[in-house]
């Protein structure tokens, strides 16, 4: 008997009893009325209970239905417990350079044209591109060992296509990793990086002095306390050594890497902001295969923090230094070490017989400070300053009478300053205008054109999906 049938029977029974009652028995009529009211209350209680039962019952989806996934923006395919999502954005950049740059699609201060060069005299350049557009695939799958996570991400900042007709820029891999529990394996941002302090820039390359690399690794992560985390990783070394040949011109070579880079990182975050401390150990080996070989240890130290100053305001900064860490610093010298012949009587290229090769790491440091202010919910501004300083190994590259040309073009310092305003007219749309200025000072044997500077204005329009 359902709820409506039960209600009808009870009320009908009460009404029938009332009709059979005689007027002489007034007290009994009152009793019947009280009984009917009690029955009505019981029926009301039954209705409430029935509603709660219906609300708590799970609605079982059809076996072939696509259902919501376990993380925002994801879904589950029929017959699967894996949640997947497909996301990314389209970004168009409109660039005007007041001065010539070597790298036109991103503001790389290390490649600014030097004064009095032919490139520096070509003032003014317009460039429009959409190479930063990217795709991202994510998944989550529950297992007996916890949640398994995967990510594959790419953009079009690979090889630059020609601009004559189709602008066929090449797709490249940015990230590809899997994670089960505390262990991650694959390619992603180096553990030495501090993404919580990264500046919000319109330019793709971003601020100089920031630690940056994406590479293959195996990483272990652990939570030590509330807000405190530890990451340990072995990462792809990709060490590179520069040396002078007999002609006195600089050369760079990928070495036979004997050890991976070893990285450790501590992170702490709270409502006021975050702090990040990291260190990396590196091992450089030059081996010509003919008995001419040498090795050297390198290291790097990173400290970074960001702090909420006021409502909508945040300041962040990083400082990086070490021997052989140039490639980990944006705008730094990617050659981490230098090889030279220690036998001054022979004008030889390192690696040849009789050279007595010696390997030394190259010291570098870099840093960045940024200030962010959110004017309204959809309007924000950012100011950034970054720098890199490198101890260019001029003496090693000019030993044995090879001259000074081997060190030409290696940067002693680069500086970067930028400011932007970014407007989000609707959710998932960002329109930013940014002004950038950079300075570069490099070693030159003539000392007549060892510096350069450049200014760029960039408008970026981003549509996130």
Protein backbone atom coordinates (compact mmCIF):
# COMPACT_ATOMS: atom_id res chain seq x y z
CA UNK A 1 0.00 0.00 0.00
CA UNK A 2 1.53 3.34 -1.01
CA UNK A 3 1.34 6.65 0.84
CA UNK A 4 -1.72 8.01 -0.95
CA UNK A 5 -3.69 4.78 -0.49
CA UNK A 6 -2.83 4.68 3.21
CA UNK A 7 -3.92 8.28 3.66
CA UNK A 8 -7.26 7.68 1.91
CA UNK A 9 -8.04 4.59 4.00
CA UNK A 10 -7.25 6.26 7.32
CA UNK A 11 -9.20 9.42 6.56
CA UNK A 12 -12.13 7.46 5.11
CA UNK A 13 -12.28 5.26 8.19
CA UNK A 14 -12.31 8.27 10.45
CA UNK A 15 -15.10 9.90 8.48
CA UNK A 16 -17.23 6.73 8.58
CA UNK A 17 -16.91 6.46 12.34
CA UNK A 18 -17.91 10.09 12.67
CA UNK A 19 -21.10 9.55 10.63
CA UNK A 20 -22.15 6.60 12.79
CA UNK A 21 -21.81 8.59 16.00
CA UNK A 22 -25.05 9.82 17.61
CA UNK A 23 -25.52 13.48 18.54
CA UNK A 24 -26.09 12.43 22.12
CA UNK A 25 -22.56 11.29 22.52
CA UNK A 26 -20.79 14.66 22.18
CA UNK A 27 -17.69 13.55 24.10
CA UNK A 28 -17.14 10.65 21.78
CA UNK A 29 -17.26 12.99 18.77
CA UNK A 30 -14.51 15.11 20.28
CA UNK A 31 -12.47 11.98 20.82
CA UNK A 32 -12.92 11.01 17.18
CA UNK A 33 -11.79 14.44 16.05
CA UNK A 34 -8.65 14.11 18.15
CA UNK A 35 -7.99 10.69 16.68
CA UNK A 36 -8.35 12.07 13.13
CA UNK A 37 -5.92 14.89 13.92
CA UNK A 38 -3.44 12.36 15.28
CA UNK A 39 -3.81 10.28 12.13
CA UNK A 40 -3.18 13.39 10.01
CA UNK A 41 0.04 14.10 11.95
CA UNK A 42 1.20 10.55 11.42
CA UNK A 43 0.50 10.89 7.68
CA UNK A 44 2.49 14.12 7.55
CA UNK A 45 5.40 12.31 9.23
CA UNK A 46 5.16 9.49 6.67
CA UNK A 47 5.27 12.05 3.82
CA UNK A 48 8.43 13.67 5.21
CA UNK A 49 10.14 10.32 5.65
CA UNK A 50 9.15 9.23 2.16
CA UNK A 51 10.59 12.43 0.67
CA UNK A 52 13.91 11.93 2.48
CA UNK A 53 14.12 8.36 1.21
CA UNK A 54 13.52 9.48 -2.38
CA UNK A 55 16.11 12.27 -2.08
CA UNK A 56 18.77 9.90 -0.70
CA UNK A 57 18.26 7.24 -3.34
CA UNK A 58 21.05 7.19 -5.96
CA UNK A 59 19.99 7.71 -9.51
CA UNK A 60 21.70 5.00 -11.52
CA UNK A 61 22.89 6.26 -14.92
CA UNK A 62 22.38 4.12 -17.99
CA UNK A 63 25.29 1.79 -18.71
CA UNK A 64 26.21 3.73 -21.90
CA UNK A 65 26.05 7.23 -20.36
CA UNK A 66 28.95 9.70 -20.06
CA UNK A 67 29.12 10.88 -16.44
CA UNK A 68 30.97 13.59 -14.52
CA UNK A 69 34.58 12.85 -13.56
CA UNK A 70 36.44 13.01 -10.26
CA UNK A 71 38.14 16.40 -10.85
CA UNK A 72 36.86 19.73 -12.25
CA UNK A 73 36.20 19.76 -15.98
CA UNK A 74 36.55 15.99 -16.36
CA UNK A 75 34.23 13.19 -17.43
CA UNK A 76 34.11 9.39 -17.40
CA UNK A 77 33.64 7.31 -20.50
CA UNK A 78 31.08 4.46 -20.47
CA UNK A 79 32.32 1.40 -18.65
CA UNK A 80 35.40 3.19 -17.27
CA UNK A 81 36.42 4.54 -13.86
CA UNK A 82 39.06 6.82 -15.45
CA UNK A 83 38.28 10.54 -15.39
CA UNK A 84 39.72 12.50 -18.32
CA UNK A 85 39.82 16.14 -19.37
CA UNK A 86 40.95 18.02 -22.47
CA UNK A 87 41.92 21.66 -22.00
CA UNK A 88 44.26 24.38 -23.21
CA UNK A 89 44.03 27.77 -24.82
CA UNK A 90 44.42 29.76 -28.01
CA UNK A 91 46.72 32.79 -27.72
CA UNK A 92 47.43 35.42 -30.34
CA UNK A 93 50.39 37.80 -29.86
CA UNK A 94 50.88 41.15 -31.58
CA UNK A 95 54.46 42.41 -31.20
CA UNK A 96 56.30 45.60 -32.05
CA UNK A 97 60.05 45.88 -31.48
CA UNK A 98 61.58 49.35 -31.36
CA UNK A 99 64.99 47.68 -31.61
CA UNK A 100 66.17 44.52 -33.34
CA UNK A 101 66.17 41.22 -31.41
CA UNK A 102 67.79 37.92 -32.34
CA UNK A 103 64.76 35.96 -31.12
CA UNK A 104 61.65 37.70 -32.40
CA UNK A 105 58.85 35.55 -30.91
CA UNK A 106 59.90 35.86 -27.27
CA UNK A 107 61.80 38.62 -25.49
CA UNK A 108 65.06 36.78 -24.77
CA UNK A 109 67.38 39.41 -23.32
CA UNK A 110 70.42 37.14 -23.75
CA UNK A 111 70.00 37.48 -27.53
CA UNK A 112 69.62 41.27 -27.80
CA UNK A 113 71.58 42.64 -30.76
CA UNK A 114 74.84 44.35 -29.75
CA UNK A 115 75.48 48.03 -30.48
CA UNK A 116 77.02 48.87 -33.87
CA UNK A 117 76.08 45.47 -35.27
CA UNK A 118 74.05 45.11 -38.45
CA UNK A 119 71.13 43.65 -36.47
CA UNK A 120 71.11 46.61 -34.07
CA UNK A 121 70.80 49.03 -36.97
CA UNK A 122 67.60 47.35 -38.19
CA UNK A 123 65.27 49.28 -35.90
CA UNK A 124 61.56 48.44 -35.83
CA UNK A 125 59.85 45.12 -36.46
CA UNK A 126 56.23 43.90 -36.47
CA UNK A 127 55.34 40.28 -35.72
CA UNK A 128 52.02 38.46 -35.22
CA UNK A 129 51.90 34.80 -34.21
CA UNK A 130 49.86 32.17 -32.34
CA UNK A 131 52.69 29.79 -31.40
CA UNK A 132 51.95 29.81 -27.66
CA UNK A 133 48.58 28.07 -28.19
CA UNK A 134 48.57 24.73 -26.39
CA UNK A 135 46.70 21.50 -25.66
CA UNK A 136 46.59 19.51 -22.42
CA UNK A 137 45.25 16.04 -21.66
CA UNK A 138 44.79 14.96 -18.01
CA UNK A 139 43.48 11.78 -16.41
CA UNK A 140 42.79 10.34 -12.95
CA UNK A 141 42.28 6.62 -12.27
CA UNK A 142 41.62 5.12 -8.80
CA UNK A 143 43.85 2.12 -7.97
CA UNK A 144 44.63 -0.04 -4.97
CA UNK A 145 47.73 2.12 -4.46
CA UNK A 146 45.89 5.42 -4.64
CA UNK A 147 45.00 7.77 -7.48
CA UNK A 148 46.99 7.46 -10.70
CA UNK A 149 47.48 10.71 -12.59
CA UNK A 150 48.73 11.40 -16.13
CA UNK A 151 49.34 14.54 -18.19
CA UNK A 152 50.38 15.17 -21.79
CA UNK A 153 50.82 18.79 -22.88
CA UNK A 154 52.23 20.52 -25.93
CA UNK A 155 52.38 23.83 -27.78
CA UNK A 156 53.63 25.19 -31.12
CA UNK A 157 56.89 26.78 -29.95
CA UNK A 158 58.90 24.10 -31.72
CA UNK A 159 60.63 24.84 -35.01
CA UNK A 160 59.38 28.12 -36.47
CA UNK A 161 57.61 27.79 -39.79
CA UNK A 162 58.06 30.25 -42.64
CA UNK A 163 55.73 33.24 -42.79
CA UNK A 164 55.26 33.23 -46.54
CA UNK A 165 52.02 31.29 -46.64
CA UNK A 166 50.98 28.83 -43.93
CA UNK A 167 53.18 29.69 -40.91
CA UNK A 168 53.61 25.96 -40.25
CA UNK A 169 55.03 26.08 -36.73
CA UNK A 170 55.97 22.70 -35.28
CA UNK A 171 54.13 21.12 -32.37
CA UNK A 172 56.42 20.20 -29.44
CA UNK A 173 56.17 18.28 -26.19
CA UNK A 174 55.99 20.39 -23.02
CA UNK A 175 54.97 17.86 -20.38
CA UNK A 176 54.37 14.10 -20.35
CA UNK A 177 54.31 12.36 -16.98
CA UNK A 178 52.49 9.86 -14.83
CA UNK A 179 52.14 9.84 -11.06
CA UNK A 180 51.06 7.11 -8.67
CA UNK A 181 51.02 8.05 -5.02
CA UNK A 182 54.19 10.00 -4.14
CA UNK A 183 56.19 8.98 -7.25
CA UNK A 184 56.17 10.97 -10.51
CA UNK A 185 57.98 9.87 -13.68
CA UNK A 186 58.22 11.68 -17.01
CA UNK A 187 58.85 15.20 -18.27
CA UNK A 188 57.68 18.28 -16.37
CA UNK A 189 59.06 21.41 -14.71
CA UNK A 190 62.33 20.78 -12.91
CA UNK A 191 62.16 20.25 -9.17
CA UNK A 192 64.65 23.13 -8.88
CA UNK A 193 61.95 25.55 -10.11
CA UNK A 194 59.55 27.56 -7.95
CA UNK A 195 56.31 27.96 -9.91
CA UNK A 196 54.52 29.72 -7.02
CA UNK A 197 56.73 32.78 -7.60
CA UNK A 198 56.61 32.76 -11.41
CA UNK A 199 55.75 36.21 -12.82
CA UNK A 200 52.52 36.80 -14.72
CA UNK A 201 53.78 38.00 -18.11
CA UNK A 202 52.27 38.47 -21.55
CA UNK A 203 55.57 37.51 -23.19
CA UNK A 204 56.13 33.77 -23.49
CA UNK A 205 59.80 33.81 -22.41
CA UNK A 206 59.12 35.77 -19.23
CA UNK A 207 61.43 37.44 -16.72
CA UNK A 208 65.21 36.88 -16.69
CA UNK A 209 66.79 35.41 -13.56
CA UNK A 210 64.01 32.90 -12.88
CA UNK A 211 64.96 29.23 -12.47
CA UNK A 212 63.42 27.24 -15.31
CA UNK A 213 63.71 23.94 -17.19
CA UNK A 214 61.36 21.18 -18.32
CA UNK A 215 62.99 17.76 -18.46
CA UNK A 216 62.59 14.06 -17.76
CA UNK A 217 62.84 12.94 -14.13
CA UNK A 218 61.78 10.58 -11.39
CA UNK A 219 60.51 12.51 -8.36
CA UNK A 220 59.42 11.48 -4.88
CA UNK A 221 57.17 13.84 -2.89
CA UNK A 222 56.29 13.71 0.80
CA UNK A 223 54.31 15.84 3.22
CA UNK A 224 56.38 16.47 6.35
CA UNK A 225 53.85 18.59 8.22
CA UNK A 226 50.85 20.80 7.53
CA UNK A 227 51.91 23.09 4.68
CA UNK A 228 55.46 21.67 4.54
CA UNK A 229 56.57 19.42 1.68
CA UNK A 230 59.74 17.68 0.49
CA UNK A 231 60.60 16.69 -3.09
CA UNK A 232 63.58 14.55 -4.13
CA UNK A 233 64.39 13.94 -7.80
CA UNK A 234 66.87 12.54 -10.27
CA UNK A 235 66.67 14.53 -13.51
CA UNK A 236 68.12 14.56 -17.02
CA UNK A 237 71.54 16.30 -16.79
CA UNK A 238 72.08 17.64 -20.36
CA UNK A 239 75.46 19.08 -19.35
CA UNK A 240 77.36 21.11 -21.91
CA UNK A 241 81.04 22.18 -21.92
CA UNK A 242 82.57 25.04 -23.91
CA UNK A 243 86.19 25.15 -25.08
CA UNK A 244 88.48 26.89 -27.56
CA UNK A 245 89.85 25.09 -30.58
CA UNK A 246 93.21 25.75 -32.18
CA UNK A 247 91.71 28.57 -34.27
CA UNK A 248 90.73 30.39 -31.07
CA UNK A 249 86.97 30.27 -31.68
CA UNK A 250 84.60 28.99 -29.00
CA UNK A 251 83.04 25.56 -29.26
CA UNK A 252 80.36 23.84 -27.21
CA UNK A 253 79.79 20.13 -26.87
CA UNK A 254 77.32 17.78 -25.25
CA UNK A 255 79.32 15.53 -22.97
CA UNK A 256 78.85 11.90 -22.04
CA UNK A 257 76.80 12.45 -18.91
CA UNK A 258 77.92 10.01 -16.22
CA UNK A 259 75.36 11.05 -13.58
CA UNK A 260 71.86 12.57 -13.49
CA UNK A 261 71.25 15.91 -11.83
CA UNK A 262 70.19 15.40 -8.19
CA UNK A 263 67.60 17.84 -6.82
CA UNK A 264 66.04 18.40 -3.38
CA UNK A 265 63.34 20.96 -2.58
CA UNK A 266 61.49 22.13 0.53
CA UNK A 267 58.24 24.06 0.16
CA UNK A 268 56.08 25.74 2.78
CA UNK A 269 52.77 27.48 2.14
CA UNK A 270 50.25 29.24 4.36
CA UNK A 271 47.51 31.84 4.06
CA UNK A 272 50.12 34.64 3.93
CA UNK A 273 52.12 33.13 1.04
CA UNK A 274 54.81 30.53 0.38
CA UNK A 275 58.55 29.84 0.76
CA UNK A 276 60.70 27.58 -1.42
CA UNK A 277 64.28 26.33 -0.89
CA UNK A 278 66.01 24.01 -3.38
CA UNK A 279 69.40 22.66 -4.31
CA UNK A 280 70.82 20.81 -7.33
CA UNK A 281 74.03 18.82 -7.73
CA UNK A 282 75.64 18.33 -11.16
CA UNK A 283 78.57 16.35 -12.60
CA UNK A 284 80.48 17.43 -15.73
CA UNK A 285 82.76 15.11 -17.67
CA UNK A 286 84.85 15.87 -20.77
CA UNK A 287 86.06 12.65 -22.40
CA UNK A 288 87.65 12.66 -25.84
CA UNK A 289 87.95 8.87 -25.89
CA UNK A 290 91.74 9.00 -26.30
CA UNK A 291 92.75 9.24 -22.67
CA UNK A 292 92.11 12.98 -22.54
CA UNK A 293 89.38 13.39 -19.91
CA UNK A 294 88.51 15.32 -16.76
CA UNK A 295 85.49 15.89 -14.51
CA UNK A 296 84.13 18.59 -12.23
CA UNK A 297 81.26 18.94 -9.76
CA UNK A 298 78.67 21.70 -10.01
CA UNK A 299 75.90 22.88 -7.73
CA UNK A 300 73.04 25.34 -7.52
CA UNK A 301 71.02 26.93 -4.69
CA UNK A 302 67.58 28.52 -4.97
CA UNK A 303 65.56 30.59 -2.48
CA UNK A 304 62.16 32.04 -3.29
CA UNK A 305 59.09 33.46 -1.58
CA UNK A 306 55.82 35.24 -2.27
CA UNK A 307 53.86 37.21 0.31
CA UNK A 308 50.35 38.68 0.31
CA UNK A 309 50.80 42.36 1.21
CA UNK A 310 47.24 43.64 1.03
CA UNK A 311 43.94 42.65 -0.52
CA UNK A 312 44.77 42.02 -4.16
CA UNK A 313 48.50 42.69 -3.67
CA UNK A 314 51.34 40.17 -3.70
CA UNK A 315 55.13 40.45 -3.89
CA UNK A 316 57.44 37.63 -4.93
CA UNK A 317 61.12 37.11 -5.52
CA UNK A 318 63.82 34.50 -6.15
CA UNK A 319 67.60 34.30 -5.91
CA UNK A 320 69.67 31.59 -7.59
CA UNK A 321 73.42 31.02 -7.59
CA UNK A 322 76.00 28.30 -8.08
CA UNK A 323 78.67 26.71 -10.26
CA UNK A 324 77.48 25.14 -13.50
CA UNK A 325 73.78 26.08 -13.24
CA UNK A 326 73.55 28.54 -16.15
CA UNK A 327 71.03 26.44 -18.04
CA UNK A 328 68.70 26.41 -15.02
CA UNK A 329 68.42 30.23 -15.02
CA UNK A 330 66.37 32.09 -17.62
CA UNK A 331 68.79 34.25 -19.58
CA UNK A 332 71.83 32.39 -18.21
CA UNK A 333 74.72 30.74 -20.02
CA UNK A 334 73.58 27.20 -20.86
CA UNK A 335 77.22 26.02 -20.99
CA UNK A 336 77.87 24.92 -17.43
CA UNK A 337 81.64 24.32 -17.63
CA UNK A 338 84.75 25.13 -19.64
CA UNK A 339 87.59 22.85 -20.77
CA UNK A 340 91.15 24.02 -21.38
CA UNK A 341 94.59 22.56 -22.00
CA UNK A 342 96.85 22.98 -19.00
CA UNK A 343 100.01 22.47 -21.05
CA UNK A 344 100.82 26.07 -22.14
CA UNK A 345 103.53 24.92 -24.53
CA UNK A 346 100.99 23.42 -26.93
CA UNK A 347 98.36 25.36 -28.89
CA UNK A 348 95.85 22.53 -28.90
CA UNK A 349 92.13 21.92 -28.94
CA UNK A 350 91.00 20.21 -25.72
CA UNK A 351 90.76 16.49 -26.32
CA UNK A 352 93.76 16.16 -28.60
CA UNK A 353 96.83 14.18 -27.52
CA UNK A 354 99.12 16.07 -25.17
CA UNK A 355 96.44 18.55 -24.11
CA UNK A 356 96.19 17.61 -20.43
CA UNK A 357 92.55 18.73 -20.38
CA UNK A 358 91.13 20.45 -17.30
CA UNK A 359 87.39 21.08 -16.66
CA UNK A 360 86.12 23.94 -14.47
CA UNK A 361 82.52 24.93 -13.77
CA UNK A 362 81.20 28.42 -14.62
CA UNK A 363 79.76 30.51 -11.77
CA UNK A 364 76.38 32.21 -12.29
CA UNK A 365 73.73 33.97 -10.28
CA UNK A 366 70.32 35.40 -11.08
CA UNK A 367 67.25 36.78 -9.41
CA UNK A 368 63.84 38.28 -9.90
CA UNK A 369 61.40 40.45 -7.96
CA UNK A 370 57.81 41.09 -8.97
CA UNK A 371 54.83 43.03 -7.67
CA UNK A 372 51.25 42.08 -8.52
CA UNK A 373 48.16 44.16 -7.81
CA UNK A 374 44.57 43.20 -8.61
CA UNK A 375 42.61 46.40 -9.20
CA UNK A 376 39.25 44.67 -9.60
CA UNK A 377 38.06 41.08 -10.01
CA UNK A 378 38.87 41.22 -13.73
CA UNK A 379 41.77 43.72 -13.93
CA UNK A 380 45.33 43.19 -12.68
CA UNK A 381 48.82 44.66 -13.16
CA UNK A 382 52.34 43.24 -12.78
CA UNK A 383 55.82 44.79 -12.60
CA UNK A 384 58.95 42.61 -12.92
CA UNK A 385 62.70 43.06 -12.70
CA UNK A 386 65.21 40.27 -13.31
CA UNK A 387 68.95 39.92 -13.73
CA UNK A 388 71.68 37.37 -14.47
CA UNK A 389 75.41 37.65 -13.80
CA UNK A 390 77.99 35.19 -15.21
CA UNK A 391 81.68 34.83 -14.53
CA UNK A 392 82.72 34.41 -18.17
CA UNK A 393 85.83 32.14 -18.29
CA UNK A 394 87.93 34.46 -20.44
CA UNK A 395 91.28 33.28 -19.02
CA UNK A 396 90.52 29.60 -19.70
CA UNK A 397 89.35 30.33 -23.24
CA UNK A 398 92.40 32.43 -24.08
CA UNK A 399 95.07 30.15 -22.63
CA UNK A 400 98.00 28.77 -24.64
CA UNK A 401 98.07 31.82 -26.92
CA UNK A 402 94.69 31.11 -28.55
CA UNK A 403 93.68 34.77 -28.45
CA UNK A 404 90.50 36.30 -27.01
CA UNK A 405 87.94 35.52 -29.71
CA UNK A 406 86.83 32.27 -28.04
CA UNK A 407 84.98 34.21 -25.32
CA UNK A 408 83.33 36.66 -27.72
CA UNK A 409 79.56 36.87 -27.35
CA UNK A 410 79.36 35.24 -23.93
CA UNK A 411 77.22 37.44 -21.67
CA UNK A 412 78.65 38.95 -18.52
CA UNK A 413 75.23 40.28 -17.51
CA UNK A 414 71.63 40.69 -18.63
CA UNK A 415 68.86 42.79 -17.06
CA UNK A 416 65.13 42.79 -17.67
CA UNK A 417 62.33 45.21 -16.69
CA UNK A 418 58.67 44.95 -17.65
CA UNK A 419 55.17 46.06 -16.69
CA UNK A 420 51.75 44.97 -17.88
CA UNK A 421 48.03 45.31 -17.40
CA UNK A 422 45.76 42.31 -17.99
CA UNK A 423 41.99 42.53 -18.40
CA UNK A 424 39.57 39.58 -18.26
CA UNK A 425 36.28 40.85 -19.75
CA UNK A 426 34.70 37.44 -19.16
CA UNK A 427 35.85 34.26 -17.48
CA UNK A 428 38.54 32.39 -19.45
CA UNK A 429 39.51 35.37 -21.62
CA UNK A 430 42.66 37.43 -20.91
CA UNK A 431 43.75 40.51 -22.85
CA UNK A 432 47.15 41.84 -21.81
CA UNK A 433 49.35 44.76 -22.84
CA UNK A 434 53.02 44.61 -21.80
CA UNK A 435 56.07 46.84 -22.22
CA UNK A 436 59.54 45.22 -21.87
CA UNK A 437 63.06 46.60 -21.84
CA UNK A 438 66.28 44.60 -21.70
CA UNK A 439 70.01 45.23 -21.36
CA UNK A 440 72.84 42.90 -22.38
CA UNK A 441 76.58 43.17 -21.72
CA UNK A 442 78.85 40.58 -23.33
CA UNK A 443 82.56 39.93 -23.63
CA UNK A 444 84.09 41.22 -26.84
CA UNK A 445 87.81 41.31 -27.63
CA UNK A 446 87.45 44.71 -29.34
CA UNK A 447 85.34 46.20 -26.51
CA UNK A 448 83.67 48.45 -29.10
CA UNK A 449 80.30 46.75 -29.31
CA UNK A 450 79.95 44.67 -26.17
CA UNK A 451 76.54 45.99 -25.04
CA UNK A 452 73.02 46.28 -26.37
CA UNK A 453 69.50 47.12 -25.27
CA UNK A 454 66.02 46.73 -26.70
CA UNK A 455 62.38 47.69 -26.07
CA UNK A 456 59.26 45.75 -27.02
CA UNK A 457 55.49 46.30 -26.77
CA UNK A 458 53.27 43.22 -26.90
CA UNK A 459 49.52 42.68 -26.95
CA UNK A 460 48.35 39.17 -26.09
CA UNK A 461 44.81 37.80 -26.43
CA UNK A 462 44.20 34.43 -24.73
CA UNK A 463 41.08 32.23 -24.92
CA UNK A 464 41.06 29.35 -22.44
CA UNK A 465 38.98 26.19 -22.94
